N, C-alpha and C. Protein backbone atom coordinates (compact mmCIF):
# COMPACT_ATOMS: atom_id res chain seq x y z
N MET A 1 -19.72 25.63 17.08
CA MET A 1 -18.30 25.37 17.13
C MET A 1 -18.00 24.11 17.93
N ASN A 2 -18.76 23.89 18.95
CA ASN A 2 -18.54 22.73 19.78
C ASN A 2 -18.84 21.43 19.02
N ASP A 3 -19.87 21.46 18.18
CA ASP A 3 -20.21 20.28 17.39
C ASP A 3 -19.12 19.95 16.39
N ASN A 4 -18.53 20.97 15.78
CA ASN A 4 -17.50 20.76 14.78
C ASN A 4 -16.25 20.16 15.41
N SER A 5 -15.86 20.63 16.57
CA SER A 5 -14.68 20.09 17.24
C SER A 5 -14.92 18.66 17.73
N SER A 6 -16.14 18.38 18.17
CA SER A 6 -16.44 17.01 18.60
C SER A 6 -16.48 16.06 17.41
N GLU A 7 -16.94 16.54 16.25
CA GLU A 7 -16.93 15.69 15.05
C GLU A 7 -15.50 15.38 14.63
N LYS A 8 -14.63 16.37 14.66
CA LYS A 8 -13.22 16.14 14.31
C LYS A 8 -12.58 15.17 15.29
N ARG A 9 -12.90 15.32 16.55
CA ARG A 9 -12.33 14.42 17.56
C ARG A 9 -12.84 13.00 17.34
N ASP A 10 -14.11 12.86 17.01
CA ASP A 10 -14.66 11.53 16.75
C ASP A 10 -14.03 10.90 15.51
N ILE A 11 -13.80 11.68 14.49
CA ILE A 11 -13.15 11.17 13.28
C ILE A 11 -11.74 10.70 13.59
N LYS A 12 -11.00 11.47 14.38
CA LYS A 12 -9.64 11.08 14.77
C LYS A 12 -9.66 9.80 15.60
N ARG A 13 -10.63 9.70 16.50
CA ARG A 13 -10.73 8.49 17.32
C ARG A 13 -11.06 7.27 16.49
N ARG A 14 -11.98 7.42 15.53
CA ARG A 14 -12.33 6.30 14.65
C ARG A 14 -11.13 5.86 13.81
N LYS A 15 -10.40 6.83 13.30
CA LYS A 15 -9.22 6.52 12.49
C LYS A 15 -8.17 5.79 13.33
N LEU A 16 -7.93 6.26 14.54
CA LEU A 16 -6.97 5.62 15.43
C LEU A 16 -7.44 4.21 15.81
N ARG A 17 -8.74 4.03 16.04
CA ARG A 17 -9.28 2.72 16.37
C ARG A 17 -9.11 1.74 15.21
N LYS A 18 -9.36 2.22 13.98
CA LYS A 18 -9.19 1.35 12.81
C LYS A 18 -7.74 0.92 12.64
N ILE A 19 -6.82 1.85 12.84
CA ILE A 19 -5.40 1.51 12.73
C ILE A 19 -5.01 0.51 13.81
N THR A 20 -5.51 0.71 15.02
CA THR A 20 -5.21 -0.20 16.12
C THR A 20 -5.78 -1.59 15.84
N GLU A 21 -6.98 -1.67 15.33
CA GLU A 21 -7.57 -2.97 15.00
C GLU A 21 -6.79 -3.67 13.90
N PHE A 22 -6.34 -2.92 12.90
CA PHE A 22 -5.55 -3.51 11.83
C PHE A 22 -4.22 -4.02 12.36
N SER A 23 -3.60 -3.24 13.24
CA SER A 23 -2.30 -3.66 13.77
C SER A 23 -2.43 -4.88 14.67
N ALA A 24 -3.58 -5.09 15.26
CA ALA A 24 -3.79 -6.29 16.08
C ALA A 24 -3.89 -7.55 15.21
N GLY A 25 -4.30 -7.41 13.96
CA GLY A 25 -4.41 -8.56 13.07
C GLY A 25 -3.12 -8.95 12.40
N ILE A 26 -2.11 -8.11 12.48
CA ILE A 26 -0.83 -8.40 11.83
C ILE A 26 -0.16 -9.66 12.38
N PRO A 27 -0.10 -9.87 13.71
CA PRO A 27 0.52 -11.11 14.19
C PRO A 27 -0.20 -12.38 13.73
N ILE A 28 -1.51 -12.32 13.63
CA ILE A 28 -2.26 -13.49 13.16
C ILE A 28 -1.91 -13.80 11.72
N LEU A 29 -1.83 -12.77 10.89
CA LEU A 29 -1.43 -12.96 9.49
C LEU A 29 0.00 -13.49 9.40
N ALA A 30 0.87 -12.97 10.25
CA ALA A 30 2.27 -13.42 10.24
C ALA A 30 2.37 -14.89 10.61
N ILE A 31 1.62 -15.30 11.61
CA ILE A 31 1.66 -16.72 12.00
C ILE A 31 1.18 -17.61 10.87
N CYS A 32 0.10 -17.21 10.21
CA CYS A 32 -0.42 -18.02 9.10
C CYS A 32 0.58 -18.12 7.96
N LEU A 33 1.22 -17.01 7.63
CA LEU A 33 2.16 -17.02 6.50
C LEU A 33 3.48 -17.70 6.84
N LEU A 34 3.90 -17.67 8.08
CA LEU A 34 5.18 -18.26 8.44
C LEU A 34 5.09 -19.74 8.81
N VAL A 35 3.95 -20.20 9.25
CA VAL A 35 3.82 -21.60 9.65
C VAL A 35 3.61 -22.50 8.42
N SER A 36 2.95 -22.00 7.41
CA SER A 36 2.63 -22.86 6.26
C SER A 36 3.86 -23.46 5.56
N PRO A 37 4.94 -22.72 5.30
CA PRO A 37 6.08 -23.40 4.67
C PRO A 37 6.78 -24.36 5.63
N LEU A 38 6.72 -24.10 6.92
CA LEU A 38 7.33 -25.02 7.87
C LEU A 38 6.57 -26.34 7.91
N LEU A 39 5.25 -26.27 7.91
CA LEU A 39 4.46 -27.49 7.88
C LEU A 39 4.62 -28.24 6.57
N ASN A 40 4.71 -27.50 5.49
CA ASN A 40 4.90 -28.12 4.19
C ASN A 40 6.24 -28.85 4.12
N GLY A 41 7.25 -28.33 4.79
CA GLY A 41 8.56 -28.99 4.80
C GLY A 41 8.54 -30.32 5.52
N PHE A 42 7.67 -30.47 6.49
CA PHE A 42 7.59 -31.72 7.24
C PHE A 42 6.62 -32.72 6.63
N THR A 43 5.73 -32.27 5.78
CA THR A 43 4.72 -33.18 5.24
C THR A 43 5.06 -33.71 3.85
N THR A 44 6.02 -33.11 3.17
CA THR A 44 6.38 -33.60 1.84
C THR A 44 7.69 -34.36 1.90
N ASP A 45 8.01 -35.01 0.79
CA ASP A 45 9.26 -35.75 0.71
C ASP A 45 10.44 -34.79 0.73
N PHE A 46 11.55 -35.25 1.27
CA PHE A 46 12.73 -34.39 1.35
C PHE A 46 13.33 -34.10 -0.02
N ASP A 47 13.05 -34.97 -0.99
CA ASP A 47 13.55 -34.74 -2.35
C ASP A 47 12.84 -33.58 -3.02
N GLN A 48 11.59 -33.30 -2.65
CA GLN A 48 10.80 -32.27 -3.29
C GLN A 48 10.97 -30.90 -2.64
N VAL A 49 11.52 -30.83 -1.43
CA VAL A 49 11.60 -29.58 -0.70
C VAL A 49 12.86 -28.82 -1.11
N ASN A 50 12.68 -27.58 -1.53
CA ASN A 50 13.80 -26.71 -1.85
C ASN A 50 14.00 -25.78 -0.65
N PHE A 51 14.97 -26.15 0.21
CA PHE A 51 15.12 -25.42 1.46
C PHE A 51 15.58 -23.99 1.27
N SER A 52 16.33 -23.72 0.21
CA SER A 52 16.77 -22.34 0.00
C SER A 52 15.60 -21.42 -0.31
N SER A 53 14.62 -21.90 -1.06
CA SER A 53 13.46 -21.06 -1.33
C SER A 53 12.58 -20.90 -0.08
N VAL A 54 12.52 -21.92 0.76
CA VAL A 54 11.75 -21.83 2.00
C VAL A 54 12.40 -20.81 2.94
N ILE A 55 13.72 -20.85 3.06
CA ILE A 55 14.44 -19.90 3.91
C ILE A 55 14.26 -18.48 3.37
N PHE A 56 14.36 -18.31 2.06
CA PHE A 56 14.15 -17.00 1.45
C PHE A 56 12.74 -16.49 1.71
N TYR A 57 11.75 -17.37 1.60
CA TYR A 57 10.36 -16.99 1.86
C TYR A 57 10.17 -16.57 3.31
N ILE A 58 10.71 -17.35 4.25
CA ILE A 58 10.52 -17.04 5.66
C ILE A 58 11.16 -15.71 6.02
N PHE A 59 12.40 -15.49 5.62
CA PHE A 59 13.07 -14.24 5.96
C PHE A 59 12.51 -13.05 5.18
N GLY A 60 12.07 -13.28 3.97
CA GLY A 60 11.42 -12.21 3.21
C GLY A 60 10.12 -11.79 3.84
N THR A 61 9.31 -12.75 4.26
CA THR A 61 8.05 -12.46 4.94
C THR A 61 8.31 -11.76 6.27
N TRP A 62 9.31 -12.22 6.98
CA TRP A 62 9.68 -11.62 8.26
C TRP A 62 10.09 -10.16 8.06
N GLY A 63 10.88 -9.89 7.03
CA GLY A 63 11.30 -8.52 6.73
C GLY A 63 10.13 -7.62 6.37
N ILE A 64 9.19 -8.14 5.60
CA ILE A 64 8.01 -7.36 5.23
C ILE A 64 7.20 -7.02 6.48
N PHE A 65 7.08 -7.96 7.40
CA PHE A 65 6.33 -7.69 8.63
C PHE A 65 7.06 -6.70 9.53
N ILE A 66 8.38 -6.69 9.51
CA ILE A 66 9.12 -5.67 10.27
C ILE A 66 8.85 -4.29 9.71
N ILE A 67 8.90 -4.16 8.38
CA ILE A 67 8.61 -2.88 7.75
C ILE A 67 7.17 -2.45 8.02
N LEU A 68 6.24 -3.39 7.96
CA LEU A 68 4.84 -3.08 8.25
C LEU A 68 4.66 -2.65 9.71
N ALA A 69 5.38 -3.28 10.63
CA ALA A 69 5.29 -2.90 12.04
C ALA A 69 5.84 -1.49 12.27
N ILE A 70 6.92 -1.14 11.59
CA ILE A 70 7.46 0.22 11.71
C ILE A 70 6.46 1.23 11.18
N PHE A 71 5.85 0.93 10.06
CA PHE A 71 4.85 1.82 9.47
C PHE A 71 3.65 1.99 10.39
N MET A 72 3.17 0.89 10.96
CA MET A 72 2.01 0.96 11.86
C MET A 72 2.37 1.71 13.15
N ALA A 73 3.58 1.54 13.65
CA ALA A 73 4.00 2.26 14.86
C ALA A 73 4.01 3.77 14.61
N ARG A 74 4.47 4.17 13.44
CA ARG A 74 4.47 5.59 13.12
C ARG A 74 3.05 6.13 12.99
N LEU A 75 2.17 5.36 12.38
CA LEU A 75 0.78 5.80 12.27
C LEU A 75 0.13 5.93 13.65
N LEU A 76 0.38 4.97 14.52
CA LEU A 76 -0.21 5.02 15.85
C LEU A 76 0.40 6.15 16.68
N THR A 77 1.69 6.39 16.53
CA THR A 77 2.34 7.47 17.26
C THR A 77 1.82 8.82 16.80
N ASN A 78 1.65 9.00 15.50
CA ASN A 78 1.11 10.25 14.98
C ASN A 78 -0.32 10.48 15.45
N GLY A 79 -1.09 9.42 15.54
CA GLY A 79 -2.47 9.55 16.00
C GLY A 79 -2.55 9.93 17.46
N VAL A 80 -1.63 9.46 18.27
CA VAL A 80 -1.63 9.79 19.68
C VAL A 80 -1.13 11.22 19.90
N ASP A 81 -0.14 11.65 19.12
CA ASP A 81 0.42 12.99 19.28
C ASP A 81 -0.58 14.08 18.93
N GLU A 82 -1.48 13.81 17.99
CA GLU A 82 -2.44 14.83 17.57
C GLU A 82 -3.48 15.12 18.64
N ASN A 83 -3.76 14.14 19.49
CA ASN A 83 -4.80 14.34 20.51
C ASN A 83 -4.27 15.15 21.60
C-alpha cells in the first residue's frame, strides 16, 4: 500500500512540475511573438506597414496569453490543492 501511494504522489509531483515548467516558458513565447511586429514596423517603409493589423495582432496575442495564464493558474492551483 505504501508503494502505491508513493507512486501516485510521484505522478502528481511530475505532473505539477511539467505544468510549472510549461508556465515558465509562456513569458518567453510572449516576448518573441509581441516584439516581432514592433521590430517589423521600424524596419520597413511606412507605406508598407498596416498599423491597424499590427495593433489587432498585438492585442489579440495579448488576449490569448491572458486566457492561457488563467488556464495555467487554475491547473497549478488544482495541483496544489490535491496535495
